[in-house]
Amino acid sequence: MSEGASKDPLHGKTLEQILTQLVEHYGWAELGYRIRINCFLADPSIKSSLKFLRKTPWARSKVEHLYLDTFW
């Protein structure tokens, strides 16, 4: 088996990096519109959003899919 790059486009990206890029690209308001979760709508912050996303697989999946749709 060759040692090439991973085929996973999220390989090497942390959830914090993904979320930060999305916030820089869309802003909190648009991110909350695209992914309707309270941590993006009510007093959003990277720290509180990461805490929620790490505990909530369905929400993390939505964030990862938006990242892929936006940047890949």
N, C-alpha and C. Protein backbone atom coordinates (compact mmCIF):
# COMPACT_ATOMS: atom_id res chain seq x y z
N MET A 1 0.83 -1.17 0.00
CA MET A 1 0.00 0.00 0.00
C MET A 1 0.88 1.24 0.00
N SER A 2 0.62 2.16 -0.88
CA SER A 2 1.46 3.35 -0.97
C SER A 2 1.10 4.35 0.12
N GLU A 3 2.06 5.20 0.43
CA GLU A 3 1.85 6.20 1.46
C GLU A 3 1.54 7.53 0.81
N GLY A 4 0.37 7.65 0.22
CA GLY A 4 -0.05 8.89 -0.41
C GLY A 4 -0.89 9.70 0.56
N ALA A 5 -1.38 10.79 0.05
CA ALA A 5 -2.24 11.64 0.86
C ALA A 5 -3.57 10.95 1.12
N SER A 6 -4.17 11.27 2.23
CA SER A 6 -5.46 10.72 2.58
C SER A 6 -6.50 11.19 1.57
N LYS A 7 -7.48 10.35 1.27
CA LYS A 7 -8.54 10.73 0.35
C LYS A 7 -9.63 11.53 1.06
N ASP A 8 -9.56 11.59 2.37
CA ASP A 8 -10.53 12.35 3.15
C ASP A 8 -10.17 13.83 3.11
N PRO A 9 -11.02 14.68 2.53
CA PRO A 9 -10.69 16.12 2.44
C PRO A 9 -10.62 16.81 3.80
N LEU A 10 -11.17 16.20 4.83
CA LEU A 10 -11.10 16.79 6.17
C LEU A 10 -9.90 16.30 6.96
N HIS A 11 -9.11 15.40 6.37
CA HIS A 11 -7.94 14.87 7.06
C HIS A 11 -6.99 16.00 7.43
N GLY A 12 -6.61 16.04 8.70
CA GLY A 12 -5.68 17.05 9.16
C GLY A 12 -6.33 18.36 9.59
N LYS A 13 -7.62 18.48 9.38
CA LYS A 13 -8.36 19.68 9.78
C LYS A 13 -9.02 19.43 11.13
N THR A 14 -8.84 20.34 12.05
CA THR A 14 -9.53 20.23 13.33
C THR A 14 -10.91 20.87 13.20
N LEU A 15 -11.80 20.50 14.10
CA LEU A 15 -13.12 21.09 14.10
C LEU A 15 -13.02 22.60 14.32
N GLU A 16 -12.07 23.02 15.14
CA GLU A 16 -11.88 24.45 15.38
C GLU A 16 -11.47 25.17 14.10
N GLN A 17 -10.57 24.57 13.31
CA GLN A 17 -10.16 25.19 12.05
C GLN A 17 -11.33 25.29 11.08
N ILE A 18 -12.11 24.23 11.01
CA ILE A 18 -13.27 24.20 10.12
C ILE A 18 -14.26 25.29 10.50
N LEU A 19 -14.60 25.35 11.79
CA LEU A 19 -15.57 26.34 12.27
C LEU A 19 -15.05 27.76 12.07
N THR A 20 -13.79 27.99 12.36
CA THR A 20 -13.20 29.33 12.20
C THR A 20 -13.27 29.78 10.75
N GLN A 21 -12.94 28.89 9.83
CA GLN A 21 -13.00 29.25 8.40
C GLN A 21 -14.43 29.57 7.98
N LEU A 22 -15.38 28.78 8.46
CA LEU A 22 -16.78 29.04 8.11
C LEU A 22 -17.26 30.38 8.66
N VAL A 23 -16.89 30.69 9.90
CA VAL A 23 -17.29 31.96 10.50
C VAL A 23 -16.64 33.13 9.75
N GLU A 24 -15.37 32.99 9.37
CA GLU A 24 -14.71 34.05 8.60
C GLU A 24 -15.36 34.24 7.24
N HIS A 25 -15.79 33.15 6.64
CA HIS A 25 -16.39 33.20 5.30
C HIS A 25 -17.83 33.72 5.33
N TYR A 26 -18.65 33.18 6.23
CA TYR A 26 -20.07 33.51 6.26
C TYR A 26 -20.46 34.53 7.33
N GLY A 27 -19.77 34.53 8.45
CA GLY A 27 -20.22 35.31 9.61
C GLY A 27 -21.22 34.48 10.41
N TRP A 28 -21.41 34.85 11.66
CA TRP A 28 -22.29 34.06 12.54
C TRP A 28 -23.74 34.07 12.06
N ALA A 29 -24.23 35.23 11.60
CA ALA A 29 -25.64 35.33 11.20
C ALA A 29 -25.95 34.39 10.03
N GLU A 30 -25.12 34.43 9.01
CA GLU A 30 -25.35 33.56 7.84
C GLU A 30 -25.13 32.09 8.20
N LEU A 31 -24.15 31.81 9.04
CA LEU A 31 -23.92 30.44 9.46
C LEU A 31 -25.14 29.91 10.22
N GLY A 32 -25.71 30.74 11.08
CA GLY A 32 -26.92 30.37 11.81
C GLY A 32 -28.11 30.18 10.90
N TYR A 33 -28.16 30.92 9.81
CA TYR A 33 -29.23 30.75 8.82
C TYR A 33 -29.07 29.44 8.07
N ARG A 34 -27.85 29.11 7.69
CA ARG A 34 -27.58 27.89 6.93
C ARG A 34 -27.68 26.63 7.76
N ILE A 35 -27.25 26.71 9.02
CA ILE A 35 -27.33 25.57 9.94
C ILE A 35 -28.07 26.07 11.18
N ARG A 36 -29.33 25.72 11.29
CA ARG A 36 -30.19 26.27 12.33
C ARG A 36 -29.96 25.59 13.68
N ILE A 37 -28.90 26.01 14.36
CA ILE A 37 -28.66 25.53 15.72
C ILE A 37 -28.39 26.74 16.60
N ASN A 38 -28.86 26.67 17.84
CA ASN A 38 -28.81 27.82 18.74
C ASN A 38 -27.41 28.34 19.02
N CYS A 39 -26.42 27.46 19.02
CA CYS A 39 -25.06 27.95 19.34
C CYS A 39 -24.55 28.91 18.27
N PHE A 40 -25.17 28.93 17.08
CA PHE A 40 -24.80 29.89 16.04
C PHE A 40 -25.71 31.12 16.06
N LEU A 41 -26.85 31.02 16.73
CA LEU A 41 -27.85 32.09 16.69
C LEU A 41 -27.86 32.97 17.93
N ALA A 42 -27.67 32.37 19.10
CA ALA A 42 -27.79 33.11 20.36
C ALA A 42 -26.43 33.27 21.01
N ASP A 43 -25.90 34.48 21.01
CA ASP A 43 -24.60 34.80 21.62
C ASP A 43 -23.51 33.81 21.19
N PRO A 44 -23.24 33.71 19.88
CA PRO A 44 -22.30 32.70 19.38
C PRO A 44 -20.85 33.00 19.73
N SER A 45 -20.09 31.94 19.93
CA SER A 45 -18.65 32.03 20.09
C SER A 45 -18.04 30.72 19.61
N ILE A 46 -16.78 30.77 19.26
CA ILE A 46 -16.09 29.56 18.83
C ILE A 46 -16.11 28.54 19.97
N LYS A 47 -15.78 28.98 21.18
CA LYS A 47 -15.68 28.07 22.32
C LYS A 47 -17.00 27.36 22.61
N SER A 48 -18.10 28.10 22.69
CA SER A 48 -19.38 27.47 23.00
C SER A 48 -19.85 26.58 21.86
N SER A 49 -19.59 27.00 20.63
CA SER A 49 -19.99 26.20 19.48
C SER A 49 -19.21 24.90 19.42
N LEU A 50 -17.91 24.95 19.69
CA LEU A 50 -17.10 23.73 19.69
C LEU A 50 -17.58 22.76 20.76
N LYS A 51 -17.92 23.27 21.93
CA LYS A 51 -18.42 22.41 23.01
C LYS A 51 -19.68 21.68 22.56
N PHE A 52 -20.61 22.39 21.94
CA PHE A 52 -21.84 21.78 21.46
C PHE A 52 -21.56 20.78 20.33
N LEU A 53 -20.77 21.19 19.35
CA LEU A 53 -20.52 20.34 18.19
C LEU A 53 -19.79 19.05 18.55
N ARG A 54 -18.92 19.10 19.54
CA ARG A 54 -18.20 17.90 19.95
C ARG A 54 -19.11 16.88 20.63
N LYS A 55 -20.21 17.36 21.20
CA LYS A 55 -21.15 16.47 21.89
C LYS A 55 -22.32 16.05 21.00
N THR A 56 -22.45 16.65 19.82
CA THR A 56 -23.64 16.46 19.00
C THR A 56 -23.25 16.05 17.57
N PRO A 57 -23.18 14.74 17.33
CA PRO A 57 -22.71 14.26 16.02
C PRO A 57 -23.49 14.78 14.82
N TRP A 58 -24.82 14.90 14.92
CA TRP A 58 -25.60 15.36 13.77
C TRP A 58 -25.26 16.80 13.41
N ALA A 59 -25.01 17.63 14.43
CA ALA A 59 -24.66 19.03 14.18
C ALA A 59 -23.26 19.13 13.59
N ARG A 60 -22.33 18.35 14.12
CA ARG A 60 -20.97 18.34 13.58
C ARG A 60 -20.98 17.92 12.12
N SER A 61 -21.79 16.93 11.80
CA SER A 61 -21.89 16.46 10.42
C SER A 61 -22.38 17.58 9.50
N LYS A 62 -23.36 18.35 9.95
CA LYS A 62 -23.86 19.47 9.14
C LYS A 62 -22.77 20.51 8.90
N VAL A 63 -21.99 20.79 9.93
CA VAL A 63 -20.89 21.76 9.80
C VAL A 63 -19.84 21.24 8.81
N GLU A 64 -19.48 19.97 8.94
CA GLU A 64 -18.49 19.38 8.03
C GLU A 64 -19.00 19.39 6.59
N HIS A 65 -20.28 19.08 6.38
CA HIS A 65 -20.84 19.09 5.03
C HIS A 65 -20.86 20.50 4.44
N LEU A 66 -21.21 21.48 5.26
CA LEU A 66 -21.18 22.86 4.76
C LEU A 66 -19.76 23.28 4.40
N TYR A 67 -18.80 22.88 5.21
CA TYR A 67 -17.39 23.19 4.93
C TYR A 67 -16.99 22.60 3.57
N LEU A 68 -17.32 21.33 3.36
CA LEU A 68 -16.96 20.67 2.09
C LEU A 68 -17.67 21.34 0.91
N ASP A 69 -18.96 21.66 1.08
CA ASP A 69 -19.70 22.30 0.00
C ASP A 69 -19.14 23.69 -0.31
N THR A 70 -18.62 24.36 0.70
CA THR A 70 -18.12 25.72 0.52
C THR A 70 -16.70 25.77 -0.04
N PHE A 71 -15.83 24.92 0.48
CA PHE A 71 -14.40 25.04 0.15
C PHE A 71 -13.85 23.93 -0.73
N TRP A 72 -14.65 22.93 -1.08
CA TRP A 72 -14.14 21.85 -1.94
C TRP A 72 -14.89 21.80 -3.19
